[in-house]
N, C-alpha and C. Protein backbone atom coordinates (compact mmCIF):
# COMPACT_ATOMS: atom_id res chain seq x y z
N UNK A 1 44.11 65.07 99.73
CA UNK A 1 43.85 66.69 100.07
C UNK A 1 44.32 66.29 102.42
N UNK A 2 44.95 66.86 102.35
CA UNK A 2 45.50 67.43 104.21
C UNK A 2 45.82 68.90 104.27
N UNK A 3 44.37 68.68 105.05
CA UNK A 3 44.37 70.60 105.80
C UNK A 3 44.42 70.25 107.37
N UNK A 4 43.76 71.10 108.29
CA UNK A 4 43.91 71.33 109.88
C UNK A 4 43.43 71.69 110.23
N UNK A 5 42.95 71.64 111.51
CA UNK A 5 41.58 71.96 111.52
C UNK A 5 42.23 72.99 113.61
N UNK A 6 41.42 74.07 113.77
CA UNK A 6 41.99 74.05 114.55
C UNK A 6 40.68 74.37 116.21
N UNK A 7 38.96 73.33 115.24
CA UNK A 7 38.34 72.93 116.45
C UNK A 7 37.81 71.90 116.01
N UNK A 8 38.10 70.51 117.22
CA UNK A 8 36.51 69.59 115.99
C UNK A 8 36.14 69.07 116.74
N UNK A 9 35.25 68.78 116.44
CA UNK A 9 33.55 68.63 117.65
C UNK A 9 34.11 66.99 118.14
N UNK A 10 33.06 66.68 118.83
CA UNK A 10 32.96 65.31 119.23
C UNK A 10 31.88 64.29 118.20
N UNK A 11 30.98 65.19 117.07
CA UNK A 11 31.22 63.71 116.34
C UNK A 11 32.07 63.58 115.36
N UNK A 12 33.00 64.51 115.52
CA UNK A 12 33.92 65.04 113.94
C UNK A 12 33.45 65.92 112.66
N UNK A 13 33.04 67.06 113.13
CA UNK A 13 32.87 68.23 112.58
C UNK A 13 33.94 69.13 112.72
N UNK A 14 34.68 69.78 111.78
CA UNK A 14 35.36 70.70 111.27
C UNK A 14 35.36 71.82 111.59
N UNK A 15 36.01 73.15 112.39
CA UNK A 15 35.58 73.59 112.34
C UNK A 15 37.89 74.59 111.70
N UNK A 16 37.32 75.10 110.38
CA UNK A 16 38.85 75.15 110.85
C UNK A 16 39.31 76.41 108.87
N UNK A 17 39.63 77.77 109.58
CA UNK A 17 39.89 78.16 108.08
C UNK A 17 38.97 78.37 106.82
N UNK A 18 38.19 79.95 106.85
CA UNK A 18 37.60 79.99 105.76
C UNK A 18 37.73 78.83 104.25
N UNK A 19 37.08 78.24 103.75
CA UNK A 19 37.42 77.92 102.80
C UNK A 19 37.55 76.60 102.67
N UNK A 20 37.91 76.09 103.50
CA UNK A 20 38.16 75.10 103.96
C UNK A 20 36.74 73.57 103.77
N UNK A 21 35.81 74.24 103.64
CA UNK A 21 34.89 74.02 103.60
C UNK A 21 34.88 73.24 102.33
N UNK A 22 34.64 74.41 100.97
CA UNK A 22 34.57 74.27 99.77
C UNK A 22 35.77 72.86 99.19
N UNK A 23 36.75 72.78 99.92
CA UNK A 23 38.35 72.21 99.12
C UNK A 23 37.25 70.62 99.64
N UNK A 24 36.31 70.39 101.66
CA UNK A 24 36.29 68.90 101.31
C UNK A 24 35.13 69.04 100.18
N UNK A 25 34.08 69.87 99.70
CA UNK A 25 33.11 69.61 98.82
C UNK A 25 33.77 69.20 97.69
N UNK A 26 34.71 69.92 96.86
CA UNK A 26 35.56 69.50 96.03
C UNK A 26 35.77 67.31 95.86
N UNK A 27 36.57 68.19 97.01
CA UNK A 27 37.29 66.86 97.25
C UNK A 27 36.27 65.19 97.46
N UNK A 28 35.90 65.78 97.84
CA UNK A 28 34.43 64.55 97.93
C UNK A 28 33.35 64.29 96.52
N UNK A 29 33.62 65.36 95.38
CA UNK A 29 32.89 65.50 94.61
C UNK A 29 33.62 64.65 93.60
N UNK A 30 34.96 64.93 93.44
CA UNK A 30 36.15 64.67 92.22
C UNK A 30 36.84 62.88 93.08
N UNK A 31 36.57 61.64 93.76
CA UNK A 31 36.82 60.81 94.76
C UNK A 31 38.12 61.06 94.83
N UNK A 32 38.67 61.90 95.90
CA UNK A 32 40.18 62.30 96.72
C UNK A 32 39.42 62.93 97.88
N UNK A 33 40.31 61.88 98.96
CA UNK A 33 40.01 61.85 100.05
C UNK A 33 40.26 62.75 100.62
N UNK A 34 39.96 63.38 101.47
CA UNK A 34 40.06 64.69 103.03
C UNK A 34 40.46 63.65 104.31
N UNK A 35 41.62 64.55 104.13
CA UNK A 35 42.49 64.08 106.00
C UNK A 35 43.07 65.12 106.53
N UNK A 36 42.24 64.99 107.88
CA UNK A 36 42.56 66.58 108.80
C UNK A 36 42.74 65.84 110.02
N UNK A 37 44.10 66.49 109.97
CA UNK A 37 45.73 66.31 110.51
C UNK A 37 45.46 66.98 111.71
N UNK A 38 45.81 66.78 112.86
CA UNK A 38 45.35 67.18 114.56
C UNK A 38 45.71 66.86 115.82
N UNK A 39 46.37 67.52 116.40
CA UNK A 39 46.92 66.95 117.68
C UNK A 39 44.94 67.03 118.31
N UNK A 40 45.62 65.92 119.08
CA UNK A 40 44.48 65.75 120.41
C UNK A 40 43.72 66.98 121.00
N UNK A 41 44.42 67.92 120.94
CA UNK A 41 44.30 68.83 122.26
C UNK A 41 43.34 69.22 120.87
N UNK A 42 43.16 69.78 119.86
CA UNK A 42 41.93 69.82 118.80
C UNK A 42 40.28 69.90 118.90
N UNK A 43 40.19 68.68 119.59
CA UNK A 43 39.05 68.18 120.04
C UNK A 43 38.73 68.80 121.36
N UNK A 44 37.10 68.91 121.31
CA UNK A 44 37.00 69.14 122.14
C UNK A 44 35.87 68.07 122.84
N UNK A 45 35.68 67.18 123.26
CA UNK A 45 34.44 66.10 124.16
C UNK A 45 32.81 67.79 124.03
N UNK A 46 33.40 68.40 124.57
CA UNK A 46 31.97 69.22 125.55
C UNK A 46 31.39 69.57 124.39
N UNK A 47 32.24 69.23 123.21
CA UNK A 47 31.13 70.33 121.51
C UNK A 47 30.65 69.69 121.07
N UNK A 48 28.93 69.48 121.35
CA UNK A 48 28.63 67.59 120.60
C UNK A 48 28.73 68.22 118.86
N UNK A 49 28.39 68.64 119.09
CA UNK A 49 28.56 69.24 116.63
C UNK A 49 29.00 70.58 116.88
N UNK A 50 29.24 70.80 115.04
CA UNK A 50 30.04 71.72 115.25
C UNK A 50 28.88 73.49 115.08
N UNK A 51 28.26 72.55 114.54
CA UNK A 51 26.64 73.58 115.10
C UNK A 51 26.73 74.14 116.56
N UNK A 52 27.64 73.70 117.50
CA UNK A 52 27.65 74.34 118.58
C UNK A 52 29.14 75.35 118.61
N UNK A 53 29.71 75.75 117.32
CA UNK A 53 30.62 75.81 117.94
C UNK A 53 30.84 77.32 117.15
N UNK A 54 30.67 78.19 118.06
CA UNK A 54 31.15 79.46 117.25
C UNK A 54 31.87 80.36 116.78
N UNK A 55 31.56 80.69 115.83
CA UNK A 55 32.50 80.89 114.53
C UNK A 55 32.41 82.70 114.27
N UNK A 56 33.76 82.49 115.31
CA UNK A 56 35.09 84.22 114.80
C UNK A 56 34.36 85.31 113.52
N UNK A 57 33.40 86.61 113.15
CA UNK A 57 33.40 86.77 112.42
C UNK A 57 34.43 88.43 112.86
N UNK A 58 35.41 88.80 111.79
CA UNK A 58 35.87 89.09 111.42
C UNK A 58 35.22 90.58 110.82
N UNK A 59 35.36 92.25 110.62
CA UNK A 59 35.27 93.57 110.59
C UNK A 59 34.41 93.63 109.38
N UNK A 60 34.03 94.01 108.87
CA UNK A 60 33.18 94.10 107.67
C UNK A 60 34.15 94.86 106.93
N UNK A 61 34.34 95.66 107.84
CA UNK A 61 35.60 96.40 106.35
C UNK A 61 36.29 96.71 105.39
N UNK A 62 36.57 95.06 106.39
CA UNK A 62 38.12 94.04 105.74
C UNK A 62 37.52 93.62 104.26
N UNK A 63 36.22 93.95 103.49
CA UNK A 63 35.59 93.41 101.98
C UNK A 63 34.80 94.43 102.05
N UNK A 64 34.41 95.35 103.10
CA UNK A 64 33.54 96.96 102.09
C UNK A 64 34.91 97.79 101.55
N UNK A 65 35.93 97.66 101.45
CA UNK A 65 36.56 98.60 100.59
C UNK A 65 37.93 98.36 101.29
N UNK A 66 38.99 98.93 100.89
CA UNK A 66 40.47 99.07 101.50
C UNK A 66 41.50 100.39 101.11
N UNK A 67 41.90 100.85 102.03
CA UNK A 67 42.40 101.82 101.76
C UNK A 67 42.40 103.07 101.84
N UNK A 68 40.96 102.96 102.37
CA UNK A 68 40.32 104.21 102.42
C UNK A 68 39.27 104.58 101.14
N UNK A 69 39.40 103.81 100.45
CA UNK A 69 38.44 103.92 99.34
C UNK A 69 37.02 102.63 99.87
N UNK A 70 36.68 103.03 99.42
CA UNK A 70 35.30 102.48 100.10
C UNK A 70 34.33 101.71 98.05
N UNK A 71 34.37 100.12 98.32
CA UNK A 71 34.03 100.33 97.18
C UNK A 71 31.85 99.14 97.79
N UNK A 72 31.70 99.12 98.77
CA UNK A 72 30.37 98.27 98.88
C UNK A 72 30.31 99.44 99.62
N UNK A 73 28.26 99.64 99.26
CA UNK A 73 26.92 100.59 99.55
C UNK A 73 27.45 101.21 101.02
N UNK A 74 27.54 102.11 101.51
CA UNK A 74 27.10 101.97 103.38
C UNK A 74 25.97 101.17 103.46
N UNK A 75 25.22 100.75 104.70
CA UNK A 75 24.73 100.03 105.30
C UNK A 75 24.21 98.78 104.32
N UNK A 76 25.56 97.79 103.80
CA UNK A 76 25.39 96.22 103.15
C UNK A 76 25.64 95.89 103.84
N UNK A 77 24.66 94.87 104.05
CA UNK A 77 24.86 93.53 105.23
C UNK A 77 26.19 92.83 104.62
N UNK A 78 27.01 92.17 105.90
CA UNK A 78 28.89 91.56 105.37
C UNK A 78 29.22 90.84 106.52
N UNK A 79 28.76 89.20 106.15
CA UNK A 79 29.20 88.34 106.99
C UNK A 79 30.88 87.81 106.42
N UNK A 80 31.99 88.25 107.38
CA UNK A 80 33.57 88.43 107.13
C UNK A 80 34.15 87.13 108.48
N UNK A 81 33.48 85.27 107.89
CA UNK A 81 33.72 84.67 108.93
C UNK A 81 34.73 84.31 108.70
N UNK A 82 36.32 83.71 109.50
CA UNK A 82 36.94 83.14 110.06
C UNK A 82 37.69 82.35 109.50
N UNK A 83 36.19 81.16 110.05
CA UNK A 83 36.45 79.75 109.88
C UNK A 83 35.23 79.20 109.20
N UNK A 84 34.92 78.36 108.80
CA UNK A 84 33.89 77.54 107.89
C UNK A 84 33.64 76.21 109.05
N UNK A 85 32.53 75.79 108.80
CA UNK A 85 32.47 74.51 109.34
C UNK A 85 32.58 72.53 108.29
N UNK A 86 33.57 71.86 108.86
CA UNK A 86 33.07 71.01 107.60
C UNK A 86 32.86 69.64 107.88
N UNK A 87 31.36 69.39 107.28
CA UNK A 87 29.98 68.35 108.38
C UNK A 87 31.58 66.98 108.17
N UNK A 88 32.00 66.21 109.50
CA UNK A 88 32.08 64.92 109.85
C UNK A 88 31.64 63.27 108.65
N UNK A 89 30.53 63.93 107.60
CA UNK A 89 30.76 62.90 105.91
C UNK A 89 31.37 63.13 105.35
N UNK A 90 31.85 64.47 105.48
CA UNK A 90 32.70 64.90 104.41
C UNK A 90 34.34 64.85 104.86
N UNK A 91 34.48 64.18 105.85
CA UNK A 91 36.31 63.48 106.38
C UNK A 91 36.01 62.74 106.19
N UNK A 92 37.27 61.82 105.52
CA UNK A 92 37.80 60.89 105.18
C UNK A 92 38.43 60.37 106.39
N UNK A 93 39.00 60.84 107.41
CA UNK A 93 39.46 60.33 108.24
C UNK A 93 40.37 62.30 109.09
N UNK A 94 39.87 61.62 110.39
CA UNK A 94 41.18 62.83 111.49
C UNK A 94 42.37 62.56 111.45
N UNK A 95 43.84 62.17 111.17
CA UNK A 95 44.52 61.79 111.63
C UNK A 95 45.73 62.59 113.57
N UNK A 96 45.49 61.97 114.34
CA UNK A 96 46.47 62.25 115.56
C UNK A 96 47.40 61.54 115.78
N UNK A 97 48.31 62.90 117.13
CA UNK A 97 49.40 61.39 117.58
C UNK A 97 48.86 60.39 117.76
N UNK A 98 47.69 60.20 118.56
CA UNK A 98 47.07 58.73 119.02
C UNK A 98 46.75 57.69 117.60
N UNK A 99 46.78 58.26 116.63
CA UNK A 99 46.52 57.32 115.16
C UNK A 99 45.61 58.01 114.23
N UNK A 100 45.03 57.06 113.30
CA UNK A 100 44.17 57.17 112.49
C UNK A 100 42.38 57.46 112.71
N UNK A 101 41.53 58.25 112.86
CA UNK A 101 40.02 57.54 112.68
C UNK A 101 39.78 58.27 111.75
N UNK A 102 39.17 56.68 110.79
CA UNK A 102 38.70 56.60 109.56
C UNK A 102 36.99 57.16 109.80
N UNK A 103 36.67 57.92 108.81
CA UNK A 103 34.69 58.26 108.97
C UNK A 103 34.60 59.06 110.47
N UNK A 104 34.80 59.40 110.57
CA UNK A 104 35.02 60.00 112.40
C UNK A 104 34.09 60.07 112.79
N UNK A 105 33.60 59.24 113.73
CA UNK A 105 32.47 59.20 114.61
C UNK A 105 32.53 59.56 116.00
N UNK A 106 31.66 60.07 116.97
CA UNK A 106 31.80 60.08 118.68
C UNK A 106 32.32 59.13 118.69
N UNK A 107 32.26 58.00 118.38
CA UNK A 107 32.83 56.14 119.86
C UNK A 107 34.21 56.07 119.24
N UNK A 108 35.13 56.31 117.90
CA UNK A 108 36.44 56.56 117.04
C UNK A 108 37.19 58.61 118.55
N UNK A 109 36.16 59.19 118.60
CA UNK A 109 36.65 60.41 118.59
C UNK A 109 36.62 60.31 120.67
N UNK A 110 36.27 59.49 121.09
CA UNK A 110 36.02 59.24 122.41
C UNK A 110 37.53 57.95 123.29
N UNK A 111 37.15 57.18 121.59
CA UNK A 111 38.71 55.91 122.50
C UNK A 111 40.19 56.97 121.95
N UNK A 112 39.88 57.70 121.06
CA UNK A 112 41.78 58.32 120.76
C UNK A 112 41.39 59.49 122.04
N UNK A 113 40.69 60.07 122.50
CA UNK A 113 40.97 60.80 123.64
C UNK A 113 41.38 60.48 124.93
N UNK A 114 40.45 59.08 125.47
CA UNK A 114 40.79 57.88 126.37
C UNK A 114 42.38 57.47 126.51
């Protein structure tokens, strides 16, 4: 598996489009390597972990109805995140223009950014 990334935290946690985490879990479960291909500019050394990345939420109306037809009851609580977080321990390697970081961690990321 190879996915992109919207943002990578200093510890190697990866924020990407919703569904990426599920793909990473399935890859791990089935022994398939999970790679993240992203430019160095995606890595944010000022963000310690993925928990520090604010996940954008889209309008609840995107999932409670369509075309003027509402199928969810009024008042229902909805989360509609744009991204999800994949922890570094599920990432086989991060591929950047400066090389490959196997089992990415803070030290490898620091070296790539140097």
